[in-house]
C-alpha atoms as a PDB file:
ATOM      1  CA  MET A   1      96.068 137.670 101.375  1.00  0.00           C
ATOM      2  CA  ASN A   2      92.989 138.603 102.801  1.00  0.00           C
ATOM      3  CA  ILE A   3      90.841 140.981 100.155  1.00  0.00           C
ATOM      4  CA  ILE A   4      87.787 142.640 100.192  1.00  0.00           C
ATOM      5  CA  VAL A   5      86.502 144.175  96.610  1.00  0.00           C
ATOM      6  CA  ASN A   6      83.904 146.766  97.411  1.00  0.00           C
ATOM      7  CA  GLY A   7      81.320 146.889  94.035  1.00  0.00           C
ATOM      8  CA  GLY A   8      82.763 143.693  92.424  1.00  0.00           C
ATOM      9  CA  SER A   9      79.360 142.218  91.021  1.00  0.00           C
ATOM     10  CA  GLY A  10      79.890 144.072  87.634  1.00  0.00           C
ATOM     11  CA  GLY A  11      82.172 146.069  84.905  1.00  0.00           C
ATOM     12  CA  ILE A  12      85.932 146.231  86.176  1.00  0.00           C
ATOM     13  CA  GLY A  13      84.936 144.941  89.841  1.00  0.00           C
ATOM     14  CA  ARG A  14      83.999 141.899  88.383  1.00  0.00           C
ATOM     15  CA  GLU A  15      87.164 141.201  86.906  1.00  0.00           C
ATOM     16  CA  VAL A  16      89.011 141.786  89.588  1.00  0.00           C
ATOM     17  CA  VAL A  17      87.145 139.440  91.576  1.00  0.00           C
ATOM     18  CA  LEU A  18      87.899 136.893  89.284  1.00  0.00           C
ATOM     19  CA  GLN A  19      91.179 137.701  88.608  1.00  0.00           C
ATOM     20  CA  MET A  20      92.260 137.931  92.302  1.00  0.00           C
ATOM     21  CA  ALA A  21      90.455 134.781  93.060  1.00  0.00           C
ATOM     22  CA  ASN A  22      92.943 132.718  90.571  1.00  0.00           C
ATOM     23  CA  ASP A  23      95.422 132.659  93.392  1.00  0.00           C
ATOM     24  CA  ARG A  24      94.541 129.987  95.692  1.00  0.00           C
ATOM     25  CA  ASP A  25      96.109 131.941  98.343  1.00  0.00           C
ATOM     26  CA  ASN A  26      93.542 134.563  98.387  1.00  0.00           C
ATOM     27  CA  GLN A  27      90.727 135.011 100.257  1.00  0.00           C
ATOM     28  CA  VAL A  28      88.442 137.089  98.595  1.00  0.00           C
ATOM     29  CA  LEU A  29      85.128 138.999  99.875  1.00  0.00           C
ATOM     30  CA  PHE A  30      83.294 140.981  97.152  1.00  0.00           C
ATOM     31  CA  THR A  31      80.132 143.224  97.682  1.00  0.00           C
ATOM     32  CA  GLY A  32      77.316 144.641  95.331  1.00  0.00           C
ATOM     33  CA  ARG A  33      73.682 144.773  95.224  1.00  0.00           C
ATOM     34  CA  ASP A  34      72.558 142.359  92.509  1.00  0.00           C
ATOM     35  CA  GLU A  35      72.418 138.965  94.493  1.00  0.00           C
ATOM     36  CA  GLU A  36      71.932 137.213  91.688  1.00  0.00           C
ATOM     37  CA  LYS A  37      75.360 138.713  90.040  1.00  0.00           C
ATOM     38  CA  LEU A  38      77.147 137.736  93.259  1.00  0.00           C
ATOM     39  CA  LYS A  39      76.082 134.195  93.307  1.00  0.00           C
ATOM     40  CA  GLU A  40      77.257 133.896  89.630  1.00  0.00           C
ATOM     41  CA  ILE A  41      80.256 135.527  90.335  1.00  0.00           C
ATOM     42  CA  THR A  42      80.874 133.151  92.881  1.00  0.00           C
ATOM     43  CA  ALA A  43      80.131 130.055  91.188  1.00  0.00           C
ATOM     44  CA  LEU A  44      82.660 130.896  88.555  1.00  0.00           C
ATOM     45  CA  CYS A  45      85.492 130.753  90.855  1.00  0.00           C
ATOM     46  CA  THR A  46      86.629 127.269  91.392  1.00  0.00           C
ATOM     47  CA  ASN A  47      89.103 127.651  93.931  1.00  0.00           C
ATOM     48  CA  GLU A  48      86.334 127.692  96.596  1.00  0.00           C
ATOM     49  CA  ASN A  49      88.318 131.103  98.156  1.00  0.00           C
ATOM     50  CA  VAL A  50      85.590 133.761  97.379  1.00  0.00           C
ATOM     51  CA  SER A  51      82.265 135.114  99.638  1.00  0.00           C
ATOM     52  CA  TYR A  52      80.100 137.747  99.011  1.00  0.00           C
ATOM     53  CA  LEU A  53      78.096 140.480 100.885  1.00  0.00           C
ATOM     54  CA  ARG A  54      74.900 142.000  99.365  1.00  0.00           C
ATOM     55  CA  PHE A  55      74.367 145.475 100.573  1.00  0.00           C
ATOM     56  CA  ASP A  56      73.203 148.725  98.983  1.00  0.00           C
ATOM     57  CA  LEU A  57      76.590 151.182  99.394  1.00  0.00           C
ATOM     58  CA  SER A  58      74.023 154.249  99.200  1.00  0.00           C
ATOM     59  CA  VAL A  59      72.437 153.406 101.892  1.00  0.00           C
ATOM     60  CA  LEU A  60      75.589 151.742 103.905  1.00  0.00           C
ATOM     61  CA  GLU A  61      74.519 153.728 107.290  1.00  0.00           C
ATOM     62  CA  ASN A  62      71.313 151.866 107.551  1.00  0.00           C
ATOM     63  CA  GLU A  63      73.215 148.334 107.306  1.00  0.00           C
ATOM     64  CA  ALA A  64      76.695 149.396 108.965  1.00  0.00           C
ATOM     65  CA  GLY A  65      75.933 147.227 112.065  1.00  0.00           C
ATOM     66  CA  THR A  66      75.136 143.939 109.975  1.00  0.00           C
ATOM     67  CA  VAL A  67      77.827 144.345 107.252  1.00  0.00           C
ATOM     68  CA  LYS A  68      80.639 145.043 110.084  1.00  0.00           C
ATOM     69  CA  GLU A  69      79.521 141.819 112.208  1.00  0.00           C
ATOM     70  CA  GLN A  70      79.772 139.831 108.771  1.00  0.00           C
ATOM     71  CA  VAL A  71      83.051 141.116 107.706  1.00  0.00           C
ATOM     72  CA  PHE A  72      84.536 140.530 111.282  1.00  0.00           C
ATOM     73  CA  ASP A  73      83.023 136.891 111.658  1.00  0.00           C
ATOM     74  CA  ARG A  74      85.170 136.259 108.240  1.00  0.00           C
ATOM     75  CA  PHE A  75      88.370 138.233 108.411  1.00  0.00           C
ATOM     76  CA  SER A  76      90.891 138.247 111.183  1.00  0.00           C
ATOM     77  CA  ARG A  77      92.888 140.633 109.568  1.00  0.00           C
ATOM     78  CA  LEU A  78      92.316 142.639 105.977  1.00  0.00           C
ATOM     79  CA  ASP A  79      95.499 143.296 103.536  1.00  0.00           C
ATOM     80  CA  ILE A  80      94.046 145.138 100.562  1.00  0.00           C
ATOM     81  CA  MET A  81      90.731 146.863  99.895  1.00  0.00           C
ATOM     82  CA  ILE A  82      89.863 147.871  96.465  1.00  0.00           C
ATOM     83  CA  ASN A  83      86.951 150.327  96.181  1.00  0.00           C
ATOM     84  CA  CYS A  84      85.695 149.505  92.863  1.00  0.00           C
ATOM     85  CA  ALA A  85      81.768 150.654  93.497  1.00  0.00           C
ATOM     86  CA  GLY A  86      80.196 153.466  91.076  1.00  0.00           C
ATOM     87  CA  ASN A  87      77.096 155.153  90.131  1.00  0.00           C
ATOM     88  CA  LEU A  88      76.718 157.072  87.200  1.00  0.00           C
ATOM     89  CA  ILE A  89      73.307 159.101  85.923  1.00  0.00           C
ATOM     90  CA  VAL A  90      74.284 161.336  83.498  1.00  0.00           C
ATOM     91  CA  THR A  91      72.124 164.261  83.316  1.00  0.00           C
ATOM     92  CA  ASP A  92      72.785 168.183  83.075  1.00  0.00           C
ATOM     93  CA  PHE A  93      73.503 169.939  86.636  1.00  0.00           C
ATOM     94  CA  LEU A  94      70.726 172.248  86.253  1.00  0.00           C
ATOM     95  CA  ARG A  95      68.403 169.341  85.660  1.00  0.00           C
ATOM     96  CA  ILE A  96      69.484 166.574  87.894  1.00  0.00           C
ATOM     97  CA  SER A  97      67.358 165.632  91.033  1.00  0.00           C
ATOM     98  CA  GLY A  98      68.251 165.949  94.229  1.00  0.00           C
ATOM     99  CA  GLN A  99      67.815 162.349  94.826  1.00  0.00           C
ATOM    100  CA  ASP A 100      69.690 161.230  91.967  1.00  0.00           C
ATOM    101  CA  ALA A 101      72.798 164.041  93.256  1.00  0.00           C
ATOM    102  CA  ARG A 102      72.942 162.337  96.665  1.00  0.00           C
ATOM    103  CA  MET A 103      73.073 158.928  95.386  1.00  0.00           C
ATOM    104  CA  MET A 104      75.974 159.392  93.512  1.00  0.00           C
ATOM    105  CA  MET A 105      77.665 160.618  96.196  1.00  0.00           C
ATOM    106  CA  GLU A 106      76.594 158.357  98.904  1.00  0.00           C
ATOM    107  CA  THR A 107      77.585 155.673  96.442  1.00  0.00           C
ATOM    108  CA  ASN A 108      80.828 157.035  95.114  1.00  0.00           C
ATOM    109  CA  PHE A 109      82.256 159.087  98.053  1.00  0.00           C
ATOM    110  CA  PHE A 110      80.469 158.632 101.491  1.00  0.00           C
ATOM    111  CA  GLY A 111      79.832 154.738 101.207  1.00  0.00           C
ATOM    112  CA  PRO A 112      83.470 153.922 100.544  1.00  0.00           C
ATOM    113  CA  ALA A 113      84.725 156.606 103.158  1.00  0.00           C
ATOM    114  CA  SER A 114      82.167 155.186 105.817  1.00  0.00           C
ATOM    115  CA  LEU A 115      83.425 151.215 104.542  1.00  0.00           C
ATOM    116  CA  ILE A 116      87.337 152.193 105.095  1.00  0.00           C
ATOM    117  CA  LYS A 117      86.229 153.744 108.801  1.00  0.00           C
ATOM    118  CA  MET A 118      84.503 150.366 109.582  1.00  0.00           C
ATOM    119  CA  LEU A 119      87.176 148.327 108.368  1.00  0.00           C
ATOM    120  CA  VAL A 120      90.366 150.025 109.037  1.00  0.00           C
ATOM    121  CA  PRO A 121      90.540 148.140 112.861  1.00  0.00           C
ATOM    122  CA  LEU A 122      91.302 144.976 110.504  1.00  0.00           C
ATOM    123  CA  MET A 123      94.428 146.442 108.833  1.00  0.00           C
ATOM    124  CA  SER A 124      97.937 146.884 110.277  1.00  0.00           C
ATOM    125  CA  ARG A 125     101.443 147.677 108.930  1.00  0.00           C
ATOM    126  CA  GLY A 126     101.431 146.506 105.036  1.00  0.00           C
ATOM    127  CA  SER A 127      97.956 146.984 104.542  1.00  0.00           C
ATOM    128  CA  HIS A 128      96.861 148.776 101.360  1.00  0.00           C
ATOM    129  CA  ILE A 129      93.482 150.924 100.544  1.00  0.00           C
ATOM    130  CA  LEU A 130      93.284 151.172  96.737  1.00  0.00           C
ATOM    131  CA  ASN A 131      90.301 153.415  95.746  1.00  0.00           C
ATOM    132  CA  ILE A 132      89.010 153.501  91.953  1.00  0.00           C
ATOM    133  CA  SER A 133      88.379 156.986  90.975  1.00  0.00           C
ATOM    134  CA  SER A 134      87.899 158.113  87.294  1.00  0.00           C
ATOM    135  CA  MET A 135      89.657 160.787  85.065  1.00  0.00           C
ATOM    136  CA  GLY A 136      86.393 162.883  85.142  1.00  0.00           C
ATOM    137  CA  GLY A 137      87.649 163.686  88.873  1.00  0.00           C
ATOM    138  CA  PHE A 138      91.157 164.181  87.893  1.00  0.00           C
ATOM    139  CA  GLN A 139      91.949 167.682  88.437  1.00  0.00           C
ATOM    140  CA  GLY A 140      92.869 169.395  85.433  1.00  0.00           C
ATOM    141  CA  SER A 141      91.130 166.806  83.127  1.00  0.00           C
ATOM    142  CA  THR A 142      88.668 167.358  80.155  1.00  0.00           C
ATOM    143  CA  LYS A 143      85.151 167.711  81.513  1.00  0.00           C
ATOM    144  CA  TYR A 144      81.932 166.765  79.878  1.00  0.00           C
ATOM    145  CA  ARG A 145      78.115 167.609  79.724  1.00  0.00           C
ATOM    146  CA  GLY A 146      75.707 165.456  81.882  1.00  0.00           C
ATOM    147  CA  LEU A 147      78.770 164.408  84.501  1.00  0.00           C
ATOM    148  CA  ALA A 148      78.854 166.911  87.097  1.00  0.00           C
ATOM    149  CA  TYR A 149      78.063 165.223  90.071  1.00  0.00           C
ATOM    150  CA  TYR A 150      79.724 161.853  89.126  1.00  0.00           C
ATOM    151  CA  SER A 151      82.821 163.774  88.400  1.00  0.00           C
ATOM    152  CA  ALA A 152      82.626 165.795  91.766  1.00  0.00           C
ATOM    153  CA  SER A 153      82.172 162.600  93.666  1.00  0.00           C
ATOM    154  CA  LYS A 154      85.082 160.715  92.320  1.00  0.00           C
ATOM    155  CA  ALA A 155      87.199 164.126  93.070  1.00  0.00           C
ATOM    156  CA  ALA A 156      86.063 163.881  96.327  1.00  0.00           C
ATOM    157  CA  LEU A 157      87.119 160.079  96.702  1.00  0.00           C
ATOM    158  CA  ALA A 158      90.494 161.076  94.966  1.00  0.00           C
ATOM    159  CA  CYS A 159      90.972 163.736  97.486  1.00  0.00           C
ATOM    160  CA  PHE A 160      90.093 162.041 100.304  1.00  0.00           C
ATOM    161  CA  THR A 161      92.696 159.517  99.581  1.00  0.00           C
ATOM    162  CA  GLU A 162      95.513 161.758 100.070  1.00  0.00           C
ATOM    163  CA  CYS A 163      93.980 162.730 103.418  1.00  0.00           C
ATOM    164  CA  LEU A 164      93.676 159.367 104.458  1.00  0.00           C
ATOM    165  CA  ALA A 165      97.428 158.300 103.605  1.00  0.00           C
ATOM    166  CA  VAL A 166      98.244 161.262 105.967  1.00  0.00           C
ATOM    167  CA  GLU A 167      96.372 160.083 108.895  1.00  0.00           C
ATOM    168  CA  LEU A 168      96.923 156.357 108.521  1.00  0.00           C
ATOM    169  CA  ALA A 169     100.971 156.433 108.234  1.00  0.00           C
ATOM    170  CA  GLU A 170     101.899 155.869 111.567  1.00  0.00           C
ATOM    171  CA  GLN A 171      99.870 152.716 111.241  1.00  0.00           C
ATOM    172  CA  GLY A 172     101.726 151.963 108.199  1.00  0.00           C
ATOM    173  CA  ILE A 173      98.734 151.508 105.917  1.00  0.00           C
ATOM    174  CA  SER A 174      99.182 152.972 102.753  1.00  0.00           C
ATOM    175  CA  ALA A 175      96.527 154.323 100.770  1.00  0.00           C
ATOM    176  CA  ASN A 176      96.517 155.364  96.696  1.00  0.00           C
ATOM    177  CA  CYS A 177      93.936 156.201  94.103  1.00  0.00           C
ATOM    178  CA  LEU A 178      93.842 155.444  90.352  1.00  0.00           C
ATOM    179  CA  ALA A 179      91.937 157.785  88.203  1.00  0.00           C
ATOM    180  CA  LEU A 180      90.731 155.386  85.109  1.00  0.00           C
ATOM    181  CA  GLY A 181      90.106 156.425  81.666  1.00  0.00           C
ATOM    182  CA  SER A 182      87.954 155.038  78.995  1.00  0.00           C
ATOM    183  CA  VAL A 183      87.105 151.321  79.625  1.00  0.00           C
ATOM    184  CA  GLN A 184      84.144 148.966  77.983  1.00  0.00           C
ATOM    185  CA  THR A 185      81.641 149.070  80.632  1.00  0.00           C
ATOM    186  CA  LYS A 186      78.050 149.740  80.929  1.00  0.00           C
ATOM    187  CA  MET A 187      78.716 152.844  82.724  1.00  0.00           C
ATOM    188  CA  PHE A 188      81.169 154.228  80.084  1.00  0.00           C
ATOM    189  CA  GLU A 189      78.601 153.272  77.423  1.00  0.00           C
ATOM    190  CA  ASN A 190      75.977 155.238  79.140  1.00  0.00           C
ATOM    191  CA  ALA A 191      78.232 158.127  79.557  1.00  0.00           C
ATOM    192  CA  PHE A 192      79.732 157.891  75.709  1.00  0.00           C
ATOM    193  CA  PRO A 193      77.252 156.256  73.525  1.00  0.00           C
ATOM    194  CA  GLY A 194      78.837 155.100  70.335  1.00  0.00           C
ATOM    195  CA  PHE A 195      82.442 155.699  71.623  1.00  0.00           C
ATOM    196  CA  LYS A 196      84.779 152.638  71.515  1.00  0.00           C
ATOM    197  CA  ALA A 197      86.797 152.477  74.590  1.00  0.00           C
ATOM    198  CA  PRO A 198      90.609 151.242  73.884  1.00  0.00           C
ATOM    199  CA  LEU A 199      90.446 148.745  76.831  1.00  0.00           C
ATOM    200  CA  GLN A 200      88.288 146.208  78.376  1.00  0.00           C
ATOM    201  CA  PRO A 201      87.623 145.371  81.609  1.00  0.00           C
ATOM    202  CA  ALA A 202      89.459 142.433  82.193  1.00  0.00           C
ATOM    203  CA  GLU A 203      92.573 144.418  80.603  1.00  0.00           C
ATOM    204  CA  MET A 204      92.265 147.078  83.279  1.00  0.00           C
ATOM    205  CA  ALA A 205      91.309 144.745  86.266  1.00  0.00           C
ATOM    206  CA  GLY A 206      94.606 143.235  85.512  1.00  0.00           C
ATOM    207  CA  PHE A 207      96.280 146.215  85.893  1.00  0.00           C
ATOM    208  CA  ILE A 208      94.228 147.183  89.325  1.00  0.00           C
ATOM    209  CA  SER A 209      94.915 143.742  90.517  1.00  0.00           C
ATOM    210  CA  TYR A 210      98.801 144.084  90.266  1.00  0.00           C
ATOM    211  CA  PHE A 211      98.677 147.629  91.782  1.00  0.00           C
ATOM    212  CA  ALA A 212      96.717 146.428  94.684  1.00  0.00           C
ATOM    213  CA  ILE A 213      99.147 144.031  95.651  1.00  0.00           C
ATOM    214  CA  ASN A 214     102.232 145.679  95.006  1.00  0.00           C
ATOM    215  CA  GLY A 215     101.625 149.518  94.366  1.00  0.00           C
ATOM    216  CA  HIS A 216     101.764 150.562  98.173  1.00  0.00           C
ATOM    217  CA  LYS A 217     105.735 149.353  97.816  1.00  0.00           C
ATOM    218  CA  PHE A 218     106.256 152.262  95.427  1.00  0.00           C
ATOM    219  CA  PHE A 219     103.268 155.050  96.285  1.00  0.00           C
ATOM    220  CA  ASN A 220     101.043 156.098  99.113  1.00  0.00           C
ATOM    221  CA  GLY A 221      98.861 159.146  98.936  1.00  0.00           C
ATOM    222  CA  LYS A 222      98.953 159.276  95.142  1.00  0.00           C
ATOM    223  CA  ILE A 223      96.218 159.806  92.476  1.00  0.00           C
ATOM    224  CA  LEU A 224      97.394 157.977  89.317  1.00  0.00           C
ATOM    225  CA  PRO A 225      95.493 158.643  85.884  1.00  0.00           C
ATOM    226  CA  VAL A 226      95.644 155.453  83.911  1.00  0.00           C
ATOM    227  CA  ALA A 227      94.291 156.618  80.686  1.00  0.00           C
ATOM    228  CA  VAL A 228      95.165 156.313  76.943  1.00  0.00           C
ATOM    229  CA  SER A 229      92.530 158.007  75.288  1.00  0.00           C
ATOM    230  CA  ASN A 230      89.956 161.075  75.765  1.00  0.00           C
ATOM    231  CA  PRO A 231      87.496 160.304  76.977  1.00  0.00           C
END
């Protein structure tokens, strides 16, 4: 399978890349901003089936042409796209700067949406788009102070997934969204200092990898909560 992991340089995304790369039949292309981390992860994947693209998702519009050209040079088709990228700045709504608010919206929603639009031409019947949201963006879930824009951006990604599934149905391309709960990542530690999450990144990545390959056989246009604790 040809797989893109958007936001694969750290946390859960990093573990998804490593697990997907274990299958020699997969070709994995992953993205991120930190080239040193991208090189480090590539070196860990010994099956020689992994490559990376370095770009900043929050300003994707500035690099869209180059990114598209590089992806199309590497893949003639795309089977799975996993959007793991995320940006979280913990600040009360009344105090957050416009710049920080927009950066989160660009990274968590507009960037992934633009990337999907760019790469759908590579997809065909049976392809699967998997967006990774958060329980903070899941309607009716408990909300937490300082996470208004983060939660709103992830809610936008979730609703977008439902709409996307409708628009791509005739092409046979599936789109689903996993709203993740607590996982012991640096982002989680920043949001909830001192709280120990029940899951490690590799554990959640195992589920995401399995769902990315198999989930579209059972679901389409669904927002599925994946959480065992609160937060």
